Amino acid sequence: MAVNLAWDNAYNDPAGSLNAVACSDGENGLETRFNFATFGDIPTFPFVGGAPNIPGWNSSACGTCWALTFINSTGTHTINFTAIDAGGDDFVTGRGALDLLTNGQAEQLGVIPVNATAVSASPCGL
């Protein structure tokens, strides 16, 4: 599906607590299912953040894995992204992750178009 990927500094810190996001605890939470406590515990970090398929706390979509593909003048770039929070209509990740995907242009671009494909949990290390 064609969507946007934006950035928010809230997802930049590897020590950031999962208690601050929708996929913290509860039976579908990442703390419960994987014993993760921080963003950095998630194997795909820094490629973590909000996703449009998570409406709120304890969603069954917590921990879903996505292949996000960005195409620009330097080619096609794909990352594996773990959904840990509600994202509204878009995907949202940390600035550092968007910088890696756009060759340091996160601040300049702000939001980029991506193609999002749901994939199995294994590419995200879950």
PDB file of N, CA and C in Angstrom:
ATOM      1  N   MET A   1       0.832  -1.170   0.000  1.00  0.00           N
ATOM      2  CA  MET A   1       0.000   0.000   0.000  1.00  0.00           C
ATOM      3  C   MET A   1       0.879   1.235   0.000  1.00  0.00           C
ATOM      4  N   ALA A   2       0.470   2.249  -0.705  1.00  0.00           N
ATOM      5  CA  ALA A   2       1.210   3.507  -0.764  1.00  0.00           C
ATOM      6  C   ALA A   2       0.803   4.376   0.424  1.00  0.00           C
ATOM      7  N   VAL A   3       1.769   4.732   1.245  1.00  0.00           N
ATOM      8  CA  VAL A   3       1.546   5.565   2.430  1.00  0.00           C
ATOM      9  C   VAL A   3       2.739   6.499   2.588  1.00  0.00           C
ATOM     10  N   ASN A   4       2.706   7.300   3.636  1.00  0.00           N
ATOM     11  CA  ASN A   4       3.828   8.173   3.949  1.00  0.00           C
ATOM     12  C   ASN A   4       4.577   7.651   5.167  1.00  0.00           C
ATOM     13  N   LEU A   5       5.845   8.001   5.230  1.00  0.00           N
ATOM     14  CA  LEU A   5       6.680   7.736   6.401  1.00  0.00           C
ATOM     15  C   LEU A   5       7.192   9.077   6.889  1.00  0.00           C
ATOM     16  N   ALA A   6       6.835   9.419   8.124  1.00  0.00           N
ATOM     17  CA  ALA A   6       7.266  10.668   8.746  1.00  0.00           C
ATOM     18  C   ALA A   6       8.207  10.328   9.901  1.00  0.00           C
ATOM     19  N   TRP A   7       8.766  11.368  10.528  1.00  0.00           N
ATOM     20  CA  TRP A   7       9.636  11.106  11.667  1.00  0.00           C
ATOM     21  C   TRP A   7       9.193  11.890  12.887  1.00  0.00           C
ATOM     22  N   ASP A   8       9.523  11.332  14.038  1.00  0.00           N
ATOM     23  CA  ASP A   8       9.246  11.946  15.332  1.00  0.00           C
ATOM     24  C   ASP A   8      10.390  11.534  16.248  1.00  0.00           C
ATOM     25  N   ASN A   9      11.014  12.510  16.891  1.00  0.00           N
ATOM     26  CA  ASN A   9      12.165  12.216  17.749  1.00  0.00           C
ATOM     27  C   ASN A   9      11.841  11.283  18.909  1.00  0.00           C
ATOM     28  N   ALA A  10      10.575  11.090  19.208  1.00  0.00           N
ATOM     29  CA  ALA A  10      10.191  10.194  20.306  1.00  0.00           C
ATOM     30  C   ALA A  10      10.725   8.785  20.104  1.00  0.00           C
ATOM     31  N   TYR A  11      10.937   8.386  18.849  1.00  0.00           N
ATOM     32  CA  TYR A  11      11.383   7.018  18.562  1.00  0.00           C
ATOM     33  C   TYR A  11      12.896   6.898  18.368  1.00  0.00           C
ATOM     34  N   ASN A  12      13.647   7.972  18.586  1.00  0.00           N
ATOM     35  CA  ASN A  12      15.094   7.980  18.348  1.00  0.00           C
ATOM     36  C   ASN A  12      15.922   7.290  19.421  1.00  0.00           C
ATOM     37  N   ASP A  13      15.470   7.338  20.658  1.00  0.00           N
ATOM     38  CA  ASP A  13      16.281   6.930  21.799  1.00  0.00           C
ATOM     39  C   ASP A  13      16.199   5.418  22.039  1.00  0.00           C
ATOM     40  N   PRO A  14      17.307   4.696  21.923  1.00  0.00           N
ATOM     41  CA  PRO A  14      17.258   3.254  22.176  1.00  0.00           C
ATOM     42  C   PRO A  14      16.829   2.925  23.609  1.00  0.00           C
ATOM     43  N   ALA A  15      17.005   3.869  24.545  1.00  0.00           N
ATOM     44  CA  ALA A  15      16.594   3.657  25.934  1.00  0.00           C
ATOM     45  C   ALA A  15      15.140   4.072  26.163  1.00  0.00           C
ATOM     46  N   GLY A  16      14.462   4.532  25.102  1.00  0.00           N
ATOM     47  CA  GLY A  16      13.063   4.936  25.230  1.00  0.00           C
ATOM     48  C   GLY A  16      12.209   3.783  25.731  1.00  0.00           C
ATOM     49  N   SER A  17      11.355   4.063  26.689  1.00  0.00           N
ATOM     50  CA  SER A  17      10.541   3.026  27.318  1.00  0.00           C
ATOM     51  C   SER A  17       9.335   2.645  26.468  1.00  0.00           C
ATOM     52  N   LEU A  18       9.098   1.351  26.365  1.00  0.00           N
ATOM     53  CA  LEU A  18       7.892   0.883  25.678  1.00  0.00           C
ATOM     54  C   LEU A  18       6.628   1.305  26.417  1.00  0.00           C
ATOM     55  N   ASN A  19       6.751   1.704  27.688  1.00  0.00           N
ATOM     56  CA  ASN A  19       5.587   2.181  28.430  1.00  0.00           C
ATOM     57  C   ASN A  19       4.999   3.448  27.819  1.00  0.00           C
ATOM     58  N   ALA A  20       5.737   4.105  26.929  1.00  0.00           N
ATOM     59  CA  ALA A  20       5.274   5.344  26.303  1.00  0.00           C
ATOM     60  C   ALA A  20       4.494   5.104  25.014  1.00  0.00           C
ATOM     61  N   VAL A  21       4.363   3.855  24.578  1.00  0.00           N
ATOM     62  CA  VAL A  21       3.711   3.571  23.296  1.00  0.00           C
ATOM     63  C   VAL A  21       2.524   2.621  23.476  1.00  0.00           C
ATOM     64  N   ALA A  22       1.726   2.498  22.436  1.00  0.00           N
ATOM     65  CA  ALA A  22       0.508   1.679  22.476  1.00  0.00           C
ATOM     66  C   ALA A  22       0.793   0.194  22.665  1.00  0.00           C
ATOM     67  N   CYS A  23       1.964  -0.254  22.268  1.00  0.00           N
ATOM     68  CA  CYS A  23       2.285  -1.689  22.321  1.00  0.00           C
ATOM     69  C   CYS A  23       3.172  -2.030  23.506  1.00  0.00           C
ATOM     70  N   SER A  24       2.852  -1.479  24.653  1.00  0.00           N
ATOM     71  CA  SER A  24       3.642  -1.718  25.854  1.00  0.00           C
ATOM     72  C   SER A  24       3.255  -3.046  26.493  1.00  0.00           C
ATOM     73  N   ASP A  25       2.243  -3.006  27.351  1.00  0.00           N
ATOM     74  CA  ASP A  25       1.830  -4.222  28.046  1.00  0.00           C
ATOM     75  C   ASP A  25       0.480  -4.696  27.512  1.00  0.00           C
ATOM     76  N   GLY A  26      -0.225  -5.488  28.282  1.00  0.00           N
ATOM     77  CA  GLY A  26      -1.438  -6.116  27.763  1.00  0.00           C
ATOM     78  C   GLY A  26      -1.046  -7.391  27.039  1.00  0.00           C
ATOM     79  N   GLU A  27      -2.002  -8.232  26.729  1.00  0.00           N
ATOM     80  CA  GLU A  27      -1.669  -9.535  26.142  1.00  0.00           C
ATOM     81  C   GLU A  27      -0.990  -9.428  24.785  1.00  0.00           C
ATOM     82  N   ASN A  28      -1.194  -8.317  24.048  1.00  0.00           N
ATOM     83  CA  ASN A  28      -0.551  -8.128  22.746  1.00  0.00           C
ATOM     84  C   ASN A  28       0.687  -7.238  22.813  1.00  0.00           C
ATOM     85  N   GLY A  29       1.018  -6.756  23.999  1.00  0.00           N
ATOM     86  CA  GLY A  29       2.136  -5.834  24.157  1.00  0.00           C
ATOM     87  C   GLY A  29       3.489  -6.500  23.964  1.00  0.00           C
ATOM     88  N   LEU A  30       4.467  -5.698  23.573  1.00  0.00           N
ATOM     89  CA  LEU A  30       5.814  -6.224  23.337  1.00  0.00           C
ATOM     90  C   LEU A  30       6.536  -6.556  24.640  1.00  0.00           C
ATOM     91  N   GLU A  31       6.158  -5.873  25.727  1.00  0.00           N
ATOM     92  CA  GLU A  31       6.733  -6.232  27.026  1.00  0.00           C
ATOM     93  C   GLU A  31       6.269  -7.633  27.429  1.00  0.00           C
ATOM     94  N   THR A  32       5.008  -7.913  27.191  1.00  0.00           N
ATOM     95  CA  THR A  32       4.426  -9.201  27.568  1.00  0.00           C
ATOM     96  C   THR A  32       4.897 -10.325  26.651  1.00  0.00           C
ATOM     97  N   ARG A  33       4.834 -10.098  25.360  1.00  0.00           N
ATOM     98  CA  ARG A  33       5.124 -11.159  24.393  1.00  0.00           C
ATOM     99  C   ARG A  33       6.608 -11.461  24.231  1.00  0.00           C
ATOM    100  N   PHE A  34       7.458 -10.425  24.328  1.00  0.00           N
ATOM    101  CA  PHE A  34       8.883 -10.622  24.038  1.00  0.00           C
ATOM    102  C   PHE A  34       9.809 -10.226  25.181  1.00  0.00           C
ATOM    103  N   ASN A  35       9.240  -9.716  26.271  1.00  0.00           N
ATOM    104  CA  ASN A  35      10.020  -9.243  27.404  1.00  0.00           C
ATOM    105  C   ASN A  35      10.919  -8.063  27.040  1.00  0.00           C
ATOM    106  N   PHE A  36      10.512  -7.271  26.054  1.00  0.00           N
ATOM    107  CA  PHE A  36      11.238  -6.054  25.696  1.00  0.00           C
ATOM    108  C   PHE A  36      10.838  -4.944  26.667  1.00  0.00           C
ATOM    109  N   ALA A  37      11.771  -4.066  26.998  1.00  0.00           N
ATOM    110  CA  ALA A  37      11.482  -2.933  27.872  1.00  0.00           C
ATOM    111  C   ALA A  37      11.724  -1.598  27.175  1.00  0.00           C
ATOM    112  N   THR A  38      12.662  -1.581  26.222  1.00  0.00           N
ATOM    113  CA  THR A  38      13.027  -0.329  25.552  1.00  0.00           C
ATOM    114  C   THR A  38      12.976  -0.495  24.037  1.00  0.00           C
ATOM    115  N   PHE A  39      12.989   0.629  23.336  1.00  0.00           N
ATOM    116  CA  PHE A  39      13.002   0.593  21.872  1.00  0.00           C
ATOM    117  C   PHE A  39      14.224  -0.170  21.367  1.00  0.00           C
ATOM    118  N   GLY A  40      15.361   0.025  22.035  1.00  0.00           N
ATOM    119  CA  GLY A  40      16.594  -0.628  21.621  1.00  0.00           C
ATOM    120  C   GLY A  40      16.583  -2.141  21.771  1.00  0.00           C
ATOM    121  N   ASP A  41      15.651  -2.669  22.565  1.00  0.00           N
ATOM    122  CA  ASP A  41      15.517  -4.123  22.703  1.00  0.00           C
ATOM    123  C   ASP A  41      14.923  -4.761  21.452  1.00  0.00           C
ATOM    124  N   ILE A  42      14.258  -3.973  20.631  1.00  0.00           N
ATOM    125  CA  ILE A  42      13.577  -4.487  19.443  1.00  0.00           C
ATOM    126  C   ILE A  42      14.614  -4.703  18.346  1.00  0.00           C
ATOM    127  N   PRO A  43      14.680  -5.892  17.768  1.00  0.00           N
ATOM    128  CA  PRO A  43      15.749  -6.213  16.809  1.00  0.00           C
ATOM    129  C   PRO A  43      15.879  -5.257  15.623  1.00  0.00           C
ATOM    130  N   THR A  44      14.805  -4.639  15.165  1.00  0.00           N
ATOM    131  CA  THR A  44      14.907  -3.745  14.008  1.00  0.00           C
ATOM    132  C   THR A  44      15.266  -2.312  14.376  1.00  0.00           C
ATOM    133  N   PHE A  45      15.444  -1.999  15.674  1.00  0.00           N
ATOM    134  CA  PHE A  45      15.768  -0.621  16.039  1.00  0.00           C
ATOM    135  C   PHE A  45      16.961  -0.141  15.222  1.00  0.00           C
ATOM    136  N   PRO A  46      16.918   1.049  14.618  1.00  0.00           N
ATOM    137  CA  PRO A  46      15.999   2.162  14.832  1.00  0.00           C
ATOM    138  C   PRO A  46      14.728   2.138  13.980  1.00  0.00           C
ATOM    139  N   PHE A  47      14.510   1.067  13.243  1.00  0.00           N
ATOM    140  CA  PHE A  47      13.341   1.023  12.362  1.00  0.00           C
ATOM    141  C   PHE A  47      12.123   0.505  13.118  1.00  0.00           C
ATOM    142  N   VAL A  48      11.642   1.349  14.027  1.00  0.00           N
ATOM    143  CA  VAL A  48      10.461   1.078  14.848  1.00  0.00           C
ATOM    144  C   VAL A  48       9.617   2.346  14.878  1.00  0.00           C
ATOM    145  N   GLY A  49       8.344   2.200  15.226  1.00  0.00           N
ATOM    146  CA  GLY A  49       7.512   3.386  15.383  1.00  0.00           C
ATOM    147  C   GLY A  49       6.044   3.097  15.186  1.00  0.00           C
ATOM    148  N   GLY A  50       5.320   4.164  14.857  1.00  0.00           N
ATOM    149  CA  GLY A  50       3.881   4.075  14.680  1.00  0.00           C
ATOM    150  C   GLY A  50       3.503   3.531  13.322  1.00  0.00           C
ATOM    151  N   ALA A  51       2.363   2.843  13.283  1.00  0.00           N
ATOM    152  CA  ALA A  51       1.867   2.259  12.034  1.00  0.00           C
ATOM    153  C   ALA A  51       0.361   2.479  11.936  1.00  0.00           C
ATOM    154  N   PRO A  52      -0.143   2.612  10.712  1.00  0.00           N
ATOM    155  CA  PRO A  52      -1.576   2.873  10.540  1.00  0.00           C
ATOM    156  C   PRO A  52      -2.477   1.713  10.945  1.00  0.00           C
ATOM    157  N   ASN A  53      -1.932   0.515  11.098  1.00  0.00           N
ATOM    158  CA  ASN A  53      -2.772  -0.626  11.476  1.00  0.00           C
ATOM    159  C   ASN A  53      -2.913  -0.793  12.989  1.00  0.00           C
ATOM    160  N   ILE A  54      -2.322   0.110  13.761  1.00  0.00           N
ATOM    161  CA  ILE A  54      -2.447   0.055  15.218  1.00  0.00           C
ATOM    162  C   ILE A  54      -3.353   1.199  15.667  1.00  0.00           C
ATOM    163  N   PRO A  55      -4.586   0.886  16.086  1.00  0.00           N
ATOM    164  CA  PRO A  55      -5.508   1.943  16.498  1.00  0.00           C
ATOM    165  C   PRO A  55      -5.257   2.456  17.910  1.00  0.00           C
ATOM    166  N   GLY A  56      -4.624   1.653  18.757  1.00  0.00           N
ATOM    167  CA  GLY A  56      -4.389   2.080  20.130  1.00  0.00           C
ATOM    168  C   GLY A  56      -3.798   0.965  20.961  1.00  0.00           C
ATOM    169  N   TRP A  57      -3.860   1.145  22.288  1.00  0.00           N
ATOM    170  CA  TRP A  57      -3.226   0.249  23.248  1.00  0.00           C
ATOM    171  C   TRP A  57      -3.669  -1.196  23.057  1.00  0.00           C
ATOM    172  N   ASN A  58      -2.713  -2.102  23.172  1.00  0.00           N
ATOM    173  CA  ASN A  58      -2.932  -3.543  23.181  1.00  0.00           C
ATOM    174  C   ASN A  58      -3.540  -4.074  21.882  1.00  0.00           C
ATOM    175  N   SER A  59      -3.277  -3.411  20.788  1.00  0.00           N
ATOM    176  CA  SER A  59      -3.798  -3.859  19.492  1.00  0.00           C
ATOM    177  C   SER A  59      -3.198  -5.211  19.110  1.00  0.00           C
ATOM    178  N   SER A  60      -3.988  -6.024  18.450  1.00  0.00           N
ATOM    179  CA  SER A  60      -3.463  -7.306  17.959  1.00  0.00           C
ATOM    180  C   SER A  60      -2.412  -7.098  16.871  1.00  0.00           C
ATOM    181  N   ALA A  61      -2.310  -5.872  16.340  1.00  0.00           N
ATOM    182  CA  ALA A  61      -1.304  -5.556  15.322  1.00  0.00           C
ATOM    183  C   ALA A  61       0.042  -5.155  15.927  1.00  0.00           C
ATOM    184  N   CYS A  62       0.138  -5.090  17.249  1.00  0.00           N
ATOM    185  CA  CYS A  62       1.411  -4.748  17.886  1.00  0.00           C
ATOM    186  C   CYS A  62       2.477  -5.762  17.487  1.00  0.00           C
ATOM    187  N   GLY A  63       3.630  -5.256  17.068  1.00  0.00           N
ATOM    188  CA  GLY A  63       4.736  -6.122  16.676  1.00  0.00           C
ATOM    189  C   GLY A  63       4.675  -6.610  15.245  1.00  0.00           C
ATOM    190  N   THR A  64       3.715  -6.112  14.458  1.00  0.00           N
ATOM    191  CA  THR A  64       3.690  -6.530  13.059  1.00  0.00           C
ATOM    192  C   THR A  64       4.928  -6.009  12.345  1.00  0.00           C
ATOM    193  N   CYS A  65       5.347  -6.754  11.354  1.00  0.00           N
ATOM    194  CA  CYS A  65       6.562  -6.441  10.605  1.00  0.00           C
ATOM    195  C   CYS A  65       6.177  -5.963   9.209  1.00  0.00           C
ATOM    196  N   TRP A  66       6.825  -4.920   8.768  1.00  0.00           N
ATOM    197  CA  TRP A  66       6.532  -4.298   7.475  1.00  0.00           C
ATOM    198  C   TRP A  66       7.811  -4.106   6.679  1.00  0.00           C
ATOM    199  N   ALA A  67       7.745  -4.331   5.395  1.00  0.00           N
ATOM    200  CA  ALA A  67       8.813  -3.931   4.478  1.00  0.00           C
ATOM    201  C   ALA A  67       8.387  -2.581   3.922  1.00  0.00           C
ATOM    202  N   LEU A  68       9.153  -1.539   4.238  1.00  0.00           N
ATOM    203  CA  LEU A  68       8.868  -0.190   3.746  1.00  0.00           C
ATOM    204  C   LEU A  68       9.887   0.135   2.666  1.00  0.00           C
ATOM    205  N   THR A  69       9.398   0.449   1.479  1.00  0.00           N
ATOM    206  CA  THR A  69      10.273   0.695   0.332  1.00  0.00           C
ATOM    207  C   THR A  69      10.157   2.139  -0.113  1.00  0.00           C
ATOM    208  N   PHE A  70      11.311   2.799  -0.213  1.00  0.00           N
ATOM    209  CA  PHE A  70      11.416   4.186  -0.653  1.00  0.00           C
ATOM    210  C   PHE A  70      12.244   4.202  -1.932  1.00  0.00           C
ATOM    211  N   ILE A  71      11.746   4.873  -2.940  1.00  0.00           N
ATOM    212  CA  ILE A  71      12.459   4.984  -4.217  1.00  0.00           C
ATOM    213  C   ILE A  71      12.816   6.444  -4.443  1.00  0.00           C
ATOM    214  N   ASN A  72      14.108   6.689  -4.700  1.00  0.00           N
ATOM    215  CA  ASN A  72      14.550   8.041  -5.048  1.00  0.00           C
ATOM    216  C   ASN A  72      15.608   7.949  -6.141  1.00  0.00           C
ATOM    217  N   SER A  73      16.282   9.052  -6.394  1.00  0.00           N
ATOM    218  CA  SER A  73      17.238   9.099  -7.504  1.00  0.00           C
ATOM    219  C   SER A  73      18.434   8.166  -7.313  1.00  0.00           C
ATOM    220  N   THR A  74      18.692   7.740  -6.076  1.00  0.00           N
ATOM    221  CA  THR A  74      19.822   6.835  -5.842  1.00  0.00           C
ATOM    222  C   THR A  74      19.409   5.368  -5.881  1.00  0.00           C
ATOM    223  N   GLY A  75      18.116   5.108  -6.058  1.00  0.00           N
ATOM    224  CA  GLY A  75      17.672   3.722  -6.177  1.00  0.00           C
ATOM    225  C   GLY A  75      16.510   3.370  -5.277  1.00  0.00           C
ATOM    226  N   THR A  76      16.349   2.085  -5.078  1.00  0.00           N
ATOM    227  CA  THR A  76      15.273   1.546  -4.249  1.00  0.00           C
ATOM    228  C   THR A  76      15.852   1.115  -2.910  1.00  0.00           C
ATOM    229  N   HIS A  77      15.248   1.579  -1.829  1.00  0.00           N
ATOM    230  CA  HIS A  77      15.743   1.314  -0.482  1.00  0.00           C
ATOM    231  C   HIS A  77      14.608   0.693   0.332  1.00  0.00           C
ATOM    232  N   THR A  78      14.848  -0.477   0.910  1.00  0.00           N
ATOM    233  CA  THR A  78      13.826  -1.159   1.701  1.00  0.00           C
ATOM    234  C   THR A  78      14.351  -1.439   3.102  1.00  0.00           C
ATOM    235  N   ILE A  79      13.502  -1.189   4.092  1.00  0.00           N
ATOM    236  CA  ILE A  79      13.831  -1.498   5.484  1.00  0.00           C
ATOM    237  C   ILE A  79      12.763  -2.430   6.052  1.00  0.00           C
ATOM    238  N   ASN A  80      13.125  -3.178   7.076  1.00  0.00           N
ATOM    239  CA  ASN A  80      12.154  -3.947   7.857  1.00  0.00           C
ATOM    240  C   ASN A  80      11.830  -3.130   9.095  1.00  0.00           C
ATOM    241  N   PHE A  81      10.551  -2.889   9.312  1.00  0.00           N
ATOM    242  CA  PHE A  81      10.044  -1.959  10.316  1.00  0.00           C
ATOM    243  C   PHE A  81       9.110  -2.701  11.264  1.00  0.00           C
ATOM    244  N   THR A  82       9.305  -2.520  12.569  1.00  0.00           N
ATOM    245  CA  THR A  82       8.425  -3.127  13.561  1.00  0.00           C
ATOM    246  C   THR A  82       7.447  -2.088  14.086  1.00  0.00           C
ATOM    247  N   ALA A  83       6.156  -2.397  13.995  1.00  0.00           N
ATOM    248  CA  ALA A  83       5.099  -1.499  14.460  1.00  0.00           C
ATOM    249  C   ALA A  83       4.955  -1.606  15.976  1.00  0.00           C
ATOM    250  N   ILE A  84       5.129  -0.454  16.667  1.00  0.00           N
ATOM    251  CA  ILE A  84       5.059  -0.458  18.130  1.00  0.00           C
ATOM    252  C   ILE A  84       4.088   0.575  18.686  1.00  0.00           C
ATOM    253  N   ASP A  85       3.458   1.364  17.816  1.00  0.00           N
ATOM    254  CA  ASP A  85       2.622   2.462  18.296  1.00  0.00           C
ATOM    255  C   ASP A  85       1.579   2.812  17.243  1.00  0.00           C
ATOM    256  N   ALA A  86       0.569   3.554  17.652  1.00  0.00           N
ATOM    257  CA  ALA A  86      -0.426   4.049  16.705  1.00  0.00           C
ATOM    258  C   ALA A  86       0.232   5.093  15.811  1.00  0.00           C
ATOM    259  N   GLY A  87      -0.059   5.041  14.520  1.00  0.00           N
ATOM    260  CA  GLY A  87       0.571   5.965  13.586  1.00  0.00           C
ATOM    261  C   GLY A  87      -0.401   6.853  12.836  1.00  0.00           C
ATOM    262  N   GLY A  88      -1.679   6.775  13.147  1.00  0.00           N
ATOM    263  CA  GLY A  88      -2.658   7.540  12.376  1.00  0.00           C
ATOM    264  C   GLY A  88      -2.755   6.961  10.979  1.00  0.00           C
ATOM    265  N   ASP A  89      -2.722   7.817   9.982  1.00  0.00           N
ATOM    266  CA  ASP A  89      -2.818   7.366   8.590  1.00  0.00           C
ATOM    267  C   ASP A  89      -1.479   6.945   7.999  1.00  0.00           C
ATOM    268  N   ASP A  90      -0.388   7.220   8.693  1.00  0.00           N
ATOM    269  CA  ASP A  90       0.953   7.017   8.151  1.00  0.00           C
ATOM    270  C   ASP A  90       1.799   6.138   9.066  1.00  0.00           C
ATOM    271  N   PHE A  91       2.990   5.826   8.593  1.00  0.00           N
ATOM    272  CA  PHE A  91       4.022   5.236   9.429  1.00  0.00           C
ATOM    273  C   PHE A  91       4.851   6.388   9.980  1.00  0.00           C
ATOM    274  N   VAL A  92       5.344   6.238  11.206  1.00  0.00           N
ATOM    275  CA  VAL A  92       6.163   7.267  11.848  1.00  0.00           C
ATOM    276  C   VAL A  92       7.337   6.563  12.509  1.00  0.00           C
ATOM    277  N   THR A  93       8.539   7.065  12.272  1.00  0.00           N
ATOM    278  CA  THR A  93       9.737   6.483  12.867  1.00  0.00           C
ATOM    279  C   THR A  93      10.599   7.601  13.436  1.00  0.00           C
ATOM    280  N   GLY A  94      11.729   7.278  13.988  1.00  0.00           N
ATOM    281  CA  GLY A  94      12.643   8.290  14.497  1.00  0.00           C
ATOM    282  C   GLY A  94      13.396   8.983  13.368  1.00  0.00           C
ATOM    283  N   ARG A  95      13.893  10.166  13.669  1.00  0.00           N
ATOM    284  CA  ARG A  95      14.649  10.915  12.661  1.00  0.00           C
ATOM    285  C   ARG A  95      15.883  10.132  12.206  1.00  0.00           C
ATOM    286  N   GLY A  96      16.556   9.480  13.132  1.00  0.00           N
ATOM    287  CA  GLY A  96      17.746   8.710  12.768  1.00  0.00           C
ATOM    288  C   GLY A  96      17.440   7.627  11.754  1.00  0.00           C
ATOM    289  N   ALA A  97      16.306   6.959  11.926  1.00  0.00           N
ATOM    290  CA  ALA A  97      15.910   5.914  10.978  1.00  0.00           C
ATOM    291  C   ALA A  97      15.596   6.510   9.616  1.00  0.00           C
ATOM    292  N   LEU A  98      14.886   7.639   9.609  1.00  0.00           N
ATOM    293  CA  LEU A  98      14.559   8.264   8.324  1.00  0.00           C
ATOM    294  C   LEU A  98      15.824   8.802   7.657  1.00  0.00           C
ATOM    295  N   ASP A  99      16.778   9.286   8.455  1.00  0.00           N
ATOM    296  CA  ASP A  99      18.064   9.715   7.892  1.00  0.00           C
ATOM    297  C   ASP A  99      18.784   8.542   7.219  1.00  0.00           C
ATOM    298  N   LEU A 100      18.768   7.373   7.848  1.00  0.00           N
ATOM    299  CA  LEU A 100      19.412   6.200   7.246  1.00  0.00           C
ATOM    300  C   LEU A 100      18.746   5.821   5.930  1.00  0.00           C
ATOM    301  N   LEU A 101      17.435   5.925   5.883  1.00  0.00           N
ATOM    302  CA  LEU A 101      16.692   5.548   4.684  1.00  0.00           C
ATOM    303  C   LEU A 101      16.858   6.557   3.553  1.00  0.00           C
ATOM    304  N   THR A 102      17.049   7.840   3.904  1.00  0.00           N
ATOM    305  CA  THR A 102      17.098   8.907   2.889  1.00  0.00           C
ATOM    306  C   THR A 102      18.488   9.506   2.715  1.00  0.00           C
ATOM    307  N   ASN A 103      19.501   8.832   3.226  1.00  0.00           N
ATOM    308  CA  ASN A 103      20.870   9.332   3.125  1.00  0.00           C
ATOM    309  C   ASN A 103      21.014  10.707   3.775  1.00  0.00           C
ATOM    310  N   GLY A 104      20.507  10.822   5.006  1.00  0.00           N
ATOM    311  CA  GLY A 104      20.681  12.037   5.787  1.00  0.00           C
ATOM    312  C   GLY A 104      19.743  13.177   5.467  1.00  0.00           C
ATOM    313  N   GLN A 105      18.635  12.919   4.822  1.00  0.00           N
ATOM    314  CA  GLN A 105      17.732  13.998   4.409  1.00  0.00           C
ATOM    315  C   GLN A 105      16.411  14.044   5.174  1.00  0.00           C
ATOM    316  N   ALA A 106      16.333  13.447   6.349  1.00  0.00           N
ATOM    317  CA  ALA A 106      15.070  13.412   7.093  1.00  0.00           C
ATOM    318  C   ALA A 106      14.523  14.806   7.365  1.00  0.00           C
ATOM    319  N   GLU A 107      15.372  15.701   7.876  1.00  0.00           N
ATOM    320  CA  GLU A 107      14.888  17.043   8.207  1.00  0.00           C
ATOM    321  C   GLU A 107      14.457  17.790   6.955  1.00  0.00           C
ATOM    322  N   GLN A 108      15.222  17.687   5.896  1.00  0.00           N
ATOM    323  CA  GLN A 108      14.903  18.381   4.646  1.00  0.00           C
ATOM    324  C   GLN A 108      13.605  17.860   4.040  1.00  0.00           C
ATOM    325  N   LEU A 109      13.421  16.539   4.024  1.00  0.00           N
ATOM    326  CA  LEU A 109      12.248  15.949   3.379  1.00  0.00           C
ATOM    327  C   LEU A 109      11.029  15.901   4.296  1.00  0.00           C
ATOM    328  N   GLY A 110      11.241  15.669   5.579  1.00  0.00           N
ATOM    329  CA  GLY A 110      10.145  15.628   6.536  1.00  0.00           C
ATOM    330  C   GLY A 110       9.299  14.376   6.443  1.00  0.00           C
ATOM    331  N   VAL A 111       8.660  14.176   5.328  1.00  0.00           N
ATOM    332  CA  VAL A 111       7.794  13.026   5.072  1.00  0.00           C
ATOM    333  C   VAL A 111       8.160  12.474   3.705  1.00  0.00           C
ATOM    334  N   ILE A 112       8.211  11.149   3.596  1.00  0.00           N
ATOM    335  CA  ILE A 112       8.518  10.542   2.294  1.00  0.00           C
ATOM    336  C   ILE A 112       7.435   9.527   1.927  1.00  0.00           C
ATOM    337  N   PRO A 113       7.204   9.343   0.634  1.00  0.00           N
ATOM    338  CA  PRO A 113       6.265   8.305   0.217  1.00  0.00           C
ATOM    339  C   PRO A 113       6.957   6.946   0.239  1.00  0.00           C
ATOM    340  N   VAL A 114       6.268   5.954   0.765  1.00  0.00           N
ATOM    341  CA  VAL A 114       6.805   4.594   0.782  1.00  0.00           C
ATOM    342  C   VAL A 114       5.724   3.618   0.341  1.00  0.00           C
ATOM    343  N   ASN A 115       6.173   2.468  -0.089  1.00  0.00           N
ATOM    344  CA  ASN A 115       5.257   1.360  -0.324  1.00  0.00           C
ATOM    345  C   ASN A 115       5.416   0.418   0.864  1.00  0.00           C
ATOM    346  N   ALA A 116       4.314   0.142   1.557  1.00  0.00           N
ATOM    347  CA  ALA A 116       4.349  -0.701   2.749  1.00  0.00           C
ATOM    348  C   ALA A 116       3.741  -2.060   2.448  1.00  0.00           C
ATOM    349  N   THR A 117       4.496  -3.105   2.774  1.00  0.00           N
ATOM    350  CA  THR A 117       4.031  -4.474   2.580  1.00  0.00           C
ATOM    351  C   THR A 117       4.154  -5.226   3.898  1.00  0.00           C
ATOM    352  N   ALA A 118       3.053  -5.767   4.382  1.00  0.00           N
ATOM    353  CA  ALA A 118       3.103  -6.584   5.595  1.00  0.00           C
ATOM    354  C   ALA A 118       3.855  -7.874   5.279  1.00  0.00           C
ATOM    355  N   VAL A 119       4.802  -8.225   6.148  1.00  0.00           N
ATOM    356  CA  VAL A 119       5.598  -9.438   5.967  1.00  0.00           C
ATOM    357  C   VAL A 119       5.531 -10.260   7.256  1.00  0.00           C
ATOM    358  N   SER A 120       6.066 -11.453   7.216  1.00  0.00           N
ATOM    359  CA  SER A 120       6.077 -12.291   8.418  1.00  0.00           C
ATOM    360  C   SER A 120       6.965 -11.655   9.484  1.00  0.00           C
ATOM    361  N   ALA A 121       6.871 -12.148  10.692  1.00  0.00           N
ATOM    362  CA  ALA A 121       7.638 -11.587  11.802  1.00  0.00           C
ATOM    363  C   ALA A 121       9.136 -11.837  11.692  1.00  0.00           C
ATOM    364  N   SER A 122       9.545 -12.868  10.970  1.00  0.00           N
ATOM    365  CA  SER A 122      10.965 -13.238  10.957  1.00  0.00           C
ATOM    366  C   SER A 122      11.896 -12.175  10.379  1.00  0.00           C
ATOM    367  N   PRO A 123      11.538 -11.417   9.321  1.00  0.00           N
ATOM    368  CA  PRO A 123      12.461 -10.374   8.865  1.00  0.00           C
ATOM    369  C   PRO A 123      12.720  -9.293   9.920  1.00  0.00           C
ATOM    370  N   CYS A 124      11.817  -9.184  10.890  1.00  0.00           N
ATOM    371  CA  CYS A 124      11.993  -8.221  11.972  1.00  0.00           C
ATOM    372  C   CYS A 124      12.625  -8.858  13.207  1.00  0.00           C
ATOM    373  N   GLY A 125      13.015 -10.114  13.104  1.00  0.00           N
ATOM    374  CA  GLY A 125      13.680 -10.781  14.209  1.00  0.00           C
ATOM    375  C   GLY A 125      12.761 -11.172  15.353  1.00  0.00           C
ATOM    376  N   LEU A 126      11.466 -11.252  15.076  1.00  0.00           N
ATOM    377  CA  LEU A 126      10.496 -11.584  16.136  1.00  0.00           C
ATOM    378  C   LEU A 126       9.975 -12.999  15.981  1.00  0.00           C
TER     379      LEU A 126
END
